[in-house]
């Protein structure tokens, strides 16, 4: 009888604890807000050097990043607001970290609002995360071939140093654009193909459809994944952007 009472007491305590955490979760500040970042230990005050360890729930890949005070960073723990079994937010840890950078006319990526606008070509969004797994170059090649299965015949763009594939829907409408370097020696960390995808902009009725916003992706040693997005106006500088993304990542990663 005494053991049964103790068991009931333990169960009651667990239920109370779960209810308290559920209430606390509902009161947590929304993702992307200053308060939400501060739960992770991130303080964007222009004075603080911020550090975050990126992790995922699939494997042991972890990467530590250190952001200088002049770079504002937004972090997120996936599943923090899940209705059931929410992921606990831990100070110093997150699933991804996002920053904004500007590309200068000197082909350098710099923190937002750090130089005069007349010296800029445009802005980029960059997201860092820990890989759930590293696909082989063969897997990426197979996925690429699947992506171009329903496209117009490719068109080489020497002015961009890219090959363009216009992707089509089942009824023949343009759904997007896919680009690969004309120089086959330009590859990723594991020898994988570099791909750039762009949304379609303009209107079919006006016959002015064209690439709009674009994005690309690289992987680095230790399981770090980097996705960066930019306006199609920066597409002529894709190679310089790729090089600068690698340079920025080198400076941020804590060895």
C-alpha atoms as a PDB file:
ATOM      1  CA  UNK A   1       0.000   0.000   0.000  1.00  0.00           C
ATOM      2  CA  UNK A   2       2.791   2.378   0.967  1.00  0.00           C
ATOM      3  CA  UNK A   3       4.596   1.693  -2.354  1.00  0.00           C
ATOM      4  CA  UNK A   4       1.391   2.403  -4.269  1.00  0.00           C
ATOM      5  CA  UNK A   5       1.023   5.753  -2.523  1.00  0.00           C
ATOM      6  CA  UNK A   6       4.636   6.672  -3.363  1.00  0.00           C
ATOM      7  CA  UNK A   7       4.082   5.699  -6.995  1.00  0.00           C
ATOM      8  CA  UNK A   8       0.973   7.880  -7.176  1.00  0.00           C
ATOM      9  CA  UNK A   9       2.924  10.766  -5.627  1.00  0.00           C
ATOM     10  CA  UNK A  10       5.696  10.413  -8.220  1.00  0.00           C
ATOM     11  CA  UNK A  11       3.156  10.275 -11.058  1.00  0.00           C
ATOM     12  CA  UNK A  12       1.397  13.364  -9.726  1.00  0.00           C
ATOM     13  CA  UNK A  13       4.708  15.232  -9.497  1.00  0.00           C
ATOM     14  CA  UNK A  14       5.549  14.280 -13.113  1.00  0.00           C
ATOM     15  CA  UNK A  15       2.164  15.467 -14.346  1.00  0.00           C
ATOM     16  CA  UNK A  16       2.559  18.775 -12.533  1.00  0.00           C
ATOM     17  CA  UNK A  17       6.056  19.221 -14.018  1.00  0.00           C
ATOM     18  CA  UNK A  18       4.794  18.475 -17.521  1.00  0.00           C
ATOM     19  CA  UNK A  19       1.927  20.926 -17.144  1.00  0.00           C
ATOM     20  CA  UNK A  20       4.281  23.615 -15.862  1.00  0.00           C
ATOM     21  CA  UNK A  21       6.588  23.146 -18.855  1.00  0.00           C
ATOM     22  CA  UNK A  22       3.625  23.201 -21.248  1.00  0.00           C
ATOM     23  CA  UNK A  23       2.503  26.505 -19.734  1.00  0.00           C
ATOM     24  CA  UNK A  24       6.039  27.869 -19.922  1.00  0.00           C
ATOM     25  CA  UNK A  25       6.334  26.772 -23.546  1.00  0.00           C
ATOM     26  CA  UNK A  26       3.158  28.634 -24.444  1.00  0.00           C
ATOM     27  CA  UNK A  27       4.655  31.753 -22.847  1.00  0.00           C
ATOM     28  CA  UNK A  28       7.976  31.575 -24.692  1.00  0.00           C
ATOM     29  CA  UNK A  29       8.719  34.483 -27.043  1.00  0.00           C
ATOM     30  CA  UNK A  30       8.244  33.835 -30.735  1.00  0.00           C
ATOM     31  CA  UNK A  31      11.053  32.691 -32.998  1.00  0.00           C
ATOM     32  CA  UNK A  32      12.974  35.560 -34.577  1.00  0.00           C
ATOM     33  CA  UNK A  33      12.415  37.950 -31.695  1.00  0.00           C
ATOM     34  CA  UNK A  34      15.146  39.441 -29.531  1.00  0.00           C
ATOM     35  CA  UNK A  35      13.832  37.626 -26.474  1.00  0.00           C
ATOM     36  CA  UNK A  36      13.804  34.277 -28.291  1.00  0.00           C
ATOM     37  CA  UNK A  37      17.416  34.759 -29.352  1.00  0.00           C
ATOM     38  CA  UNK A  38      18.366  35.612 -25.774  1.00  0.00           C
ATOM     39  CA  UNK A  39      16.952  32.280 -24.575  1.00  0.00           C
ATOM     40  CA  UNK A  40      19.709  30.721 -26.701  1.00  0.00           C
ATOM     41  CA  UNK A  41      22.308  33.107 -25.258  1.00  0.00           C
ATOM     42  CA  UNK A  42      22.374  35.397 -28.312  1.00  0.00           C
ATOM     43  CA  UNK A  43      22.575  39.151 -27.630  1.00  0.00           C
ATOM     44  CA  UNK A  44      22.519  41.420 -30.694  1.00  0.00           C
ATOM     45  CA  UNK A  45      23.579  44.703 -29.110  1.00  0.00           C
ATOM     46  CA  UNK A  46      26.485  45.568 -31.397  1.00  0.00           C
ATOM     47  CA  UNK A  47      28.916  44.930 -28.535  1.00  0.00           C
ATOM     48  CA  UNK A  48      28.638  41.221 -27.754  1.00  0.00           C
ATOM     49  CA  UNK A  49      30.498  38.414 -29.535  1.00  0.00           C
ATOM     50  CA  UNK A  50      27.964  35.605 -29.891  1.00  0.00           C
ATOM     51  CA  UNK A  51      28.738  31.888 -29.931  1.00  0.00           C
ATOM     52  CA  UNK A  52      26.350  29.075 -30.793  1.00  0.00           C
ATOM     53  CA  UNK A  53      26.757  25.313 -31.234  1.00  0.00           C
ATOM     54  CA  UNK A  54      24.670  23.944 -34.096  1.00  0.00           C
ATOM     55  CA  UNK A  55      23.274  20.440 -33.670  1.00  0.00           C
ATOM     56  CA  UNK A  56      20.644  18.110 -35.078  1.00  0.00           C
ATOM     57  CA  UNK A  57      18.713  15.179 -33.677  1.00  0.00           C
ATOM     58  CA  UNK A  58      19.810  12.678 -36.342  1.00  0.00           C
ATOM     59  CA  UNK A  59      23.532  12.297 -35.757  1.00  0.00           C
ATOM     60  CA  UNK A  60      26.423  13.651 -33.733  1.00  0.00           C
ATOM     61  CA  UNK A  61      27.359  16.468 -36.114  1.00  0.00           C
ATOM     62  CA  UNK A  62      27.990  19.682 -34.187  1.00  0.00           C
ATOM     63  CA  UNK A  63      29.660  22.907 -35.278  1.00  0.00           C
ATOM     64  CA  UNK A  64      30.493  25.893 -33.110  1.00  0.00           C
ATOM     65  CA  UNK A  65      30.205  29.337 -34.687  1.00  0.00           C
ATOM     66  CA  UNK A  66      31.449  32.642 -33.309  1.00  0.00           C
ATOM     67  CA  UNK A  67      29.831  35.823 -34.649  1.00  0.00           C
ATOM     68  CA  UNK A  68      31.547  39.212 -34.178  1.00  0.00           C
ATOM     69  CA  UNK A  69      29.470  42.016 -32.601  1.00  0.00           C
ATOM     70  CA  UNK A  70      28.822  43.718 -35.945  1.00  0.00           C
ATOM     71  CA  UNK A  71      26.915  40.680 -37.296  1.00  0.00           C
ATOM     72  CA  UNK A  72      23.380  40.195 -35.973  1.00  0.00           C
ATOM     73  CA  UNK A  73      22.364  36.549 -35.777  1.00  0.00           C
ATOM     74  CA  UNK A  74      18.954  34.892 -35.459  1.00  0.00           C
ATOM     75  CA  UNK A  75      18.864  31.340 -34.095  1.00  0.00           C
ATOM     76  CA  UNK A  76      16.187  28.684 -33.741  1.00  0.00           C
ATOM     77  CA  UNK A  77      15.626  25.358 -32.036  1.00  0.00           C
ATOM     78  CA  UNK A  78      13.311  23.305 -34.220  1.00  0.00           C
ATOM     79  CA  UNK A  79      10.249  21.963 -32.464  1.00  0.00           C
ATOM     80  CA  UNK A  80      10.428  24.379 -29.525  1.00  0.00           C
ATOM     81  CA  UNK A  81       6.698  25.085 -29.872  1.00  0.00           C
ATOM     82  CA  UNK A  82       5.521  21.593 -30.852  1.00  0.00           C
ATOM     83  CA  UNK A  83       2.131  20.771 -29.269  1.00  0.00           C
ATOM     84  CA  UNK A  84       3.484  17.449 -28.022  1.00  0.00           C
ATOM     85  CA  UNK A  85       6.989  16.788 -26.731  1.00  0.00           C
ATOM     86  CA  UNK A  86       8.444  20.222 -27.547  1.00  0.00           C
ATOM     87  CA  UNK A  87      12.196  20.493 -27.868  1.00  0.00           C
ATOM     88  CA  UNK A  88      13.810  22.202 -24.903  1.00  0.00           C
ATOM     89  CA  UNK A  89      15.678  25.408 -25.761  1.00  0.00           C
ATOM     90  CA  UNK A  90      19.230  25.281 -24.403  1.00  0.00           C
ATOM     91  CA  UNK A  91      21.499  28.256 -23.959  1.00  0.00           C
ATOM     92  CA  UNK A  92      24.378  28.105 -26.433  1.00  0.00           C
ATOM     93  CA  UNK A  93      22.712  25.539 -28.734  1.00  0.00           C
ATOM     94  CA  UNK A  94      20.441  25.780 -31.787  1.00  0.00           C
ATOM     95  CA  UNK A  95      19.503  23.906 -34.941  1.00  0.00           C
ATOM     96  CA  UNK A  96      20.222  26.823 -37.246  1.00  0.00           C
ATOM     97  CA  UNK A  97      21.622  30.341 -37.289  1.00  0.00           C
ATOM     98  CA  UNK A  98      20.749  33.019 -39.843  1.00  0.00           C
ATOM     99  CA  UNK A  99      22.581  36.210 -40.763  1.00  0.00           C
ATOM    100  CA  UNK A 100      22.340  38.917 -43.417  1.00  0.00           C
ATOM    101  CA  UNK A 101      25.313  40.145 -45.440  1.00  0.00           C
ATOM    102  CA  UNK A 102      25.894  42.651 -48.230  1.00  0.00           C
ATOM    103  CA  UNK A 103      27.981  42.115 -51.361  1.00  0.00           C
ATOM    104  CA  UNK A 104      30.213  45.099 -52.122  1.00  0.00           C
ATOM    105  CA  UNK A 105      31.425  46.259 -55.516  1.00  0.00           C
ATOM    106  CA  UNK A 106      34.821  44.916 -54.441  1.00  0.00           C
ATOM    107  CA  UNK A 107      33.271  41.437 -54.273  1.00  0.00           C
ATOM    108  CA  UNK A 108      33.388  41.179 -50.501  1.00  0.00           C
ATOM    109  CA  UNK A 109      30.632  40.052 -48.153  1.00  0.00           C
ATOM    110  CA  UNK A 110      30.304  42.474 -45.251  1.00  0.00           C
ATOM    111  CA  UNK A 111      27.880  42.928 -42.303  1.00  0.00           C
ATOM    112  CA  UNK A 112      24.633  44.746 -43.019  1.00  0.00           C
ATOM    113  CA  UNK A 113      24.748  48.560 -42.838  1.00  0.00           C
ATOM    114  CA  UNK A 114      28.513  48.576 -42.441  1.00  0.00           C
ATOM    115  CA  UNK A 115      29.354  50.586 -45.578  1.00  0.00           C
ATOM    116  CA  UNK A 116      27.660  53.153 -47.805  1.00  0.00           C
ATOM    117  CA  UNK A 117      24.839  51.897 -50.019  1.00  0.00           C
ATOM    118  CA  UNK A 118      26.470  53.254 -53.183  1.00  0.00           C
ATOM    119  CA  UNK A 119      29.278  50.741 -52.604  1.00  0.00           C
ATOM    120  CA  UNK A 120      26.926  47.761 -52.537  1.00  0.00           C
ATOM    121  CA  UNK A 121      25.585  45.414 -55.186  1.00  0.00           C
ATOM    122  CA  UNK A 122      22.934  43.696 -53.075  1.00  0.00           C
ATOM    123  CA  UNK A 123      22.155  41.629 -50.018  1.00  0.00           C
ATOM    124  CA  UNK A 124      22.244  37.946 -49.129  1.00  0.00           C
ATOM    125  CA  UNK A 125      20.609  35.782 -46.493  1.00  0.00           C
ATOM    126  CA  UNK A 126      22.800  33.004 -45.071  1.00  0.00           C
ATOM    127  CA  UNK A 127      21.663  30.083 -42.939  1.00  0.00           C
ATOM    128  CA  UNK A 128      24.006  27.712 -41.113  1.00  0.00           C
ATOM    129  CA  UNK A 129      22.852  24.339 -39.810  1.00  0.00           C
ATOM    130  CA  UNK A 130      24.191  20.930 -38.817  1.00  0.00           C
ATOM    131  CA  UNK A 131      23.777  18.303 -41.510  1.00  0.00           C
ATOM    132  CA  UNK A 132      21.378  15.453 -40.972  1.00  0.00           C
ATOM    133  CA  UNK A 133      23.692  13.501 -43.246  1.00  0.00           C
ATOM    134  CA  UNK A 134      26.179  14.098 -46.033  1.00  0.00           C
ATOM    135  CA  UNK A 135      24.881  12.916 -49.418  1.00  0.00           C
ATOM    136  CA  UNK A 136      27.533  11.452 -51.679  1.00  0.00           C
ATOM    137  CA  UNK A 137      28.413  13.193 -54.944  1.00  0.00           C
ATOM    138  CA  UNK A 138      26.728  10.253 -56.688  1.00  0.00           C
ATOM    139  CA  UNK A 139      23.498  10.869 -54.785  1.00  0.00           C
ATOM    140  CA  UNK A 140      23.591  14.576 -55.652  1.00  0.00           C
ATOM    141  CA  UNK A 141      24.197  13.758 -59.310  1.00  0.00           C
ATOM    142  CA  UNK A 142      21.231  11.377 -59.341  1.00  0.00           C
ATOM    143  CA  UNK A 143      19.052  13.996 -57.665  1.00  0.00           C
ATOM    144  CA  UNK A 144      20.215  16.585 -60.207  1.00  0.00           C
ATOM    145  CA  UNK A 145      19.269  14.331 -63.128  1.00  0.00           C
ATOM    146  CA  UNK A 146      15.844  13.853 -61.606  1.00  0.00           C
ATOM    147  CA  UNK A 147      15.477  17.636 -61.265  1.00  0.00           C
ATOM    148  CA  UNK A 148      16.161  18.208 -64.970  1.00  0.00           C
ATOM    149  CA  UNK A 149      13.999  15.325 -66.182  1.00  0.00           C
ATOM    150  CA  UNK A 150      11.254  17.772 -67.165  1.00  0.00           C
ATOM    151  CA  UNK A 151      13.039  20.806 -68.565  1.00  0.00           C
ATOM    152  CA  UNK A 152      13.588  22.597 -71.827  1.00  0.00           C
ATOM    153  CA  UNK A 153      16.860  21.793 -73.622  1.00  0.00           C
ATOM    154  CA  UNK A 154      19.615  23.413 -71.595  1.00  0.00           C
ATOM    155  CA  UNK A 155      21.068  26.731 -72.674  1.00  0.00           C
ATOM    156  CA  UNK A 156      24.649  27.758 -71.974  1.00  0.00           C
ATOM    157  CA  UNK A 157      25.045  31.289 -70.644  1.00  0.00           C
ATOM    158  CA  UNK A 158      28.691  32.282 -71.273  1.00  0.00           C
ATOM    159  CA  UNK A 159      28.090  35.732 -69.785  1.00  0.00           C
ATOM    160  CA  UNK A 160      27.149  34.024 -66.519  1.00  0.00           C
ATOM    161  CA  UNK A 161      29.542  31.078 -66.896  1.00  0.00           C
ATOM    162  CA  UNK A 162      26.515  28.898 -66.163  1.00  0.00           C
ATOM    163  CA  UNK A 163      24.360  26.328 -67.890  1.00  0.00           C
ATOM    164  CA  UNK A 164      20.649  27.053 -67.519  1.00  0.00           C
ATOM    165  CA  UNK A 165      17.878  24.489 -67.239  1.00  0.00           C
ATOM    166  CA  UNK A 166      14.325  25.836 -67.410  1.00  0.00           C
ATOM    167  CA  UNK A 167      12.167  23.586 -65.258  1.00  0.00           C
ATOM    168  CA  UNK A 168       8.595  22.898 -66.323  1.00  0.00           C
ATOM    169  CA  UNK A 169       5.387  21.808 -64.661  1.00  0.00           C
ATOM    170  CA  UNK A 170       3.335  18.866 -65.950  1.00  0.00           C
ATOM    171  CA  UNK A 171       1.338  21.242 -68.184  1.00  0.00           C
ATOM    172  CA  UNK A 172       4.447  22.926 -69.586  1.00  0.00           C
ATOM    173  CA  UNK A 173       4.526  26.115 -67.532  1.00  0.00           C
ATOM    174  CA  UNK A 174       7.837  27.372 -66.171  1.00  0.00           C
ATOM    175  CA  UNK A 175       8.276  26.360 -62.533  1.00  0.00           C
ATOM    176  CA  UNK A 176      11.837  27.573 -61.975  1.00  0.00           C
ATOM    177  CA  UNK A 177      15.415  27.652 -63.187  1.00  0.00           C
ATOM    178  CA  UNK A 178      18.385  25.486 -62.322  1.00  0.00           C
ATOM    179  CA  UNK A 179      22.004  26.431 -63.001  1.00  0.00           C
ATOM    180  CA  UNK A 180      25.303  24.552 -62.931  1.00  0.00           C
ATOM    181  CA  UNK A 181      28.793  25.949 -63.610  1.00  0.00           C
ATOM    182  CA  UNK A 182      30.117  25.582 -67.139  1.00  0.00           C
ATOM    183  CA  UNK A 183      33.496  24.910 -65.549  1.00  0.00           C
ATOM    184  CA  UNK A 184      33.204  21.330 -64.299  1.00  0.00           C
ATOM    185  CA  UNK A 185      36.227  21.838 -62.044  1.00  0.00           C
ATOM    186  CA  UNK A 186      34.140  24.047 -59.749  1.00  0.00           C
ATOM    187  CA  UNK A 187      32.842  21.605 -57.164  1.00  0.00           C
ATOM    188  CA  UNK A 188      31.805  21.403 -53.549  1.00  0.00           C
ATOM    189  CA  UNK A 189      33.740  20.191 -50.496  1.00  0.00           C
ATOM    190  CA  UNK A 190      33.105  16.512 -51.247  1.00  0.00           C
ATOM    191  CA  UNK A 191      33.440  16.896 -55.004  1.00  0.00           C
ATOM    192  CA  UNK A 192      29.689  17.356 -55.447  1.00  0.00           C
ATOM    193  CA  UNK A 193      28.071  19.435 -58.168  1.00  0.00           C
ATOM    194  CA  UNK A 194      27.355  23.089 -57.379  1.00  0.00           C
ATOM    195  CA  UNK A 195      23.691  23.872 -58.024  1.00  0.00           C
ATOM    196  CA  UNK A 196      21.887  27.223 -58.062  1.00  0.00           C
ATOM    197  CA  UNK A 197      18.096  27.290 -58.088  1.00  0.00           C
ATOM    198  CA  UNK A 198      15.950  30.317 -58.908  1.00  0.00           C
ATOM    199  CA  UNK A 199      12.227  30.987 -58.631  1.00  0.00           C
ATOM    200  CA  UNK A 200      10.376  32.200 -61.689  1.00  0.00           C
ATOM    201  CA  UNK A 201       9.395  35.870 -61.804  1.00  0.00           C
ATOM    202  CA  UNK A 202       7.411  37.962 -64.240  1.00  0.00           C
ATOM    203  CA  UNK A 203       4.171  36.848 -65.896  1.00  0.00           C
ATOM    204  CA  UNK A 204       3.443  34.275 -68.577  1.00  0.00           C
ATOM    205  CA  UNK A 205       0.695  36.499 -70.011  1.00  0.00           C
ATOM    206  CA  UNK A 206       3.230  39.297 -70.549  1.00  0.00           C
ATOM    207  CA  UNK A 207       5.870  36.923 -71.912  1.00  0.00           C
ATOM    208  CA  UNK A 208       8.450  38.323 -69.476  1.00  0.00           C
ATOM    209  CA  UNK A 209       9.126  35.350 -67.211  1.00  0.00           C
ATOM    210  CA  UNK A 210      12.636  35.295 -65.833  1.00  0.00           C
ATOM    211  CA  UNK A 211      14.621  34.163 -62.776  1.00  0.00           C
ATOM    212  CA  UNK A 212      13.837  36.044 -59.563  1.00  0.00           C
ATOM    213  CA  UNK A 213      15.179  35.064 -56.139  1.00  0.00           C
ATOM    214  CA  UNK A 214      17.933  32.430 -56.138  1.00  0.00           C
ATOM    215  CA  UNK A 215      19.596  30.123 -53.631  1.00  0.00           C
ATOM    216  CA  UNK A 216      22.516  27.728 -53.417  1.00  0.00           C
ATOM    217  CA  UNK A 217      23.987  25.388 -50.851  1.00  0.00           C
ATOM    218  CA  UNK A 218      27.381  24.121 -49.744  1.00  0.00           C
ATOM    219  CA  UNK A 219      28.552  21.610 -47.168  1.00  0.00           C
ATOM    220  CA  UNK A 220      31.668  21.868 -45.102  1.00  0.00           C
ATOM    221  CA  UNK A 221      33.825  19.587 -42.975  1.00  0.00           C
ATOM    222  CA  UNK A 222      32.333  18.468 -39.689  1.00  0.00           C
ATOM    223  CA  UNK A 223      28.778  18.384 -40.972  1.00  0.00           C
ATOM    224  CA  UNK A 224      28.184  22.110 -41.410  1.00  0.00           C
ATOM    225  CA  UNK A 225      25.571  23.032 -44.001  1.00  0.00           C
ATOM    226  CA  UNK A 226      25.379  26.546 -45.487  1.00  0.00           C
ATOM    227  CA  UNK A 227      22.427  27.773 -47.558  1.00  0.00           C
ATOM    228  CA  UNK A 228      22.531  31.254 -49.040  1.00  0.00           C
ATOM    229  CA  UNK A 229      19.912  33.202 -50.972  1.00  0.00           C
ATOM    230  CA  UNK A 230      20.132  36.295 -53.147  1.00  0.00           C
ATOM    231  CA  UNK A 231      18.316  38.245 -55.842  1.00  0.00           C
ATOM    232  CA  UNK A 232      18.778  37.098 -59.407  1.00  0.00           C
ATOM    233  CA  UNK A 233      20.454  40.448 -60.099  1.00  0.00           C
ATOM    234  CA  UNK A 234      23.495  39.022 -58.317  1.00  0.00           C
ATOM    235  CA  UNK A 235      23.574  35.885 -60.464  1.00  0.00           C
ATOM    236  CA  UNK A 236      26.477  37.232 -62.604  1.00  0.00           C
ATOM    237  CA  UNK A 237      28.561  37.214 -59.400  1.00  0.00           C
ATOM    238  CA  UNK A 238      27.668  33.669 -58.296  1.00  0.00           C
ATOM    239  CA  UNK A 239      31.290  32.475 -58.349  1.00  0.00           C
ATOM    240  CA  UNK A 240      32.551  35.419 -56.313  1.00  0.00           C
ATOM    241  CA  UNK A 241      29.666  34.891 -53.882  1.00  0.00           C
ATOM    242  CA  UNK A 242      30.532  31.196 -53.545  1.00  0.00           C
ATOM    243  CA  UNK A 243      34.142  32.071 -52.776  1.00  0.00           C
ATOM    244  CA  UNK A 244      33.126  34.720 -50.232  1.00  0.00           C
ATOM    245  CA  UNK A 245      30.624  32.392 -48.538  1.00  0.00           C
ATOM    246  CA  UNK A 246      33.481  29.950 -47.973  1.00  0.00           C
ATOM    247  CA  UNK A 247      35.702  32.763 -46.656  1.00  0.00           C
ATOM    248  CA  UNK A 248      33.022  34.019 -44.257  1.00  0.00           C
ATOM    249  CA  UNK A 249      32.360  30.477 -43.035  1.00  0.00           C
ATOM    250  CA  UNK A 250      36.089  29.949 -42.391  1.00  0.00           C
ATOM    251  CA  UNK A 251      36.130  33.043 -40.191  1.00  0.00           C
ATOM    252  CA  UNK A 252      33.021  32.059 -38.218  1.00  0.00           C
ATOM    253  CA  UNK A 253      33.786  28.397 -37.494  1.00  0.00           C
ATOM    254  CA  UNK A 254      35.507  27.761 -34.173  1.00  0.00           C
ATOM    255  CA  UNK A 255      38.056  24.987 -34.694  1.00  0.00           C
END
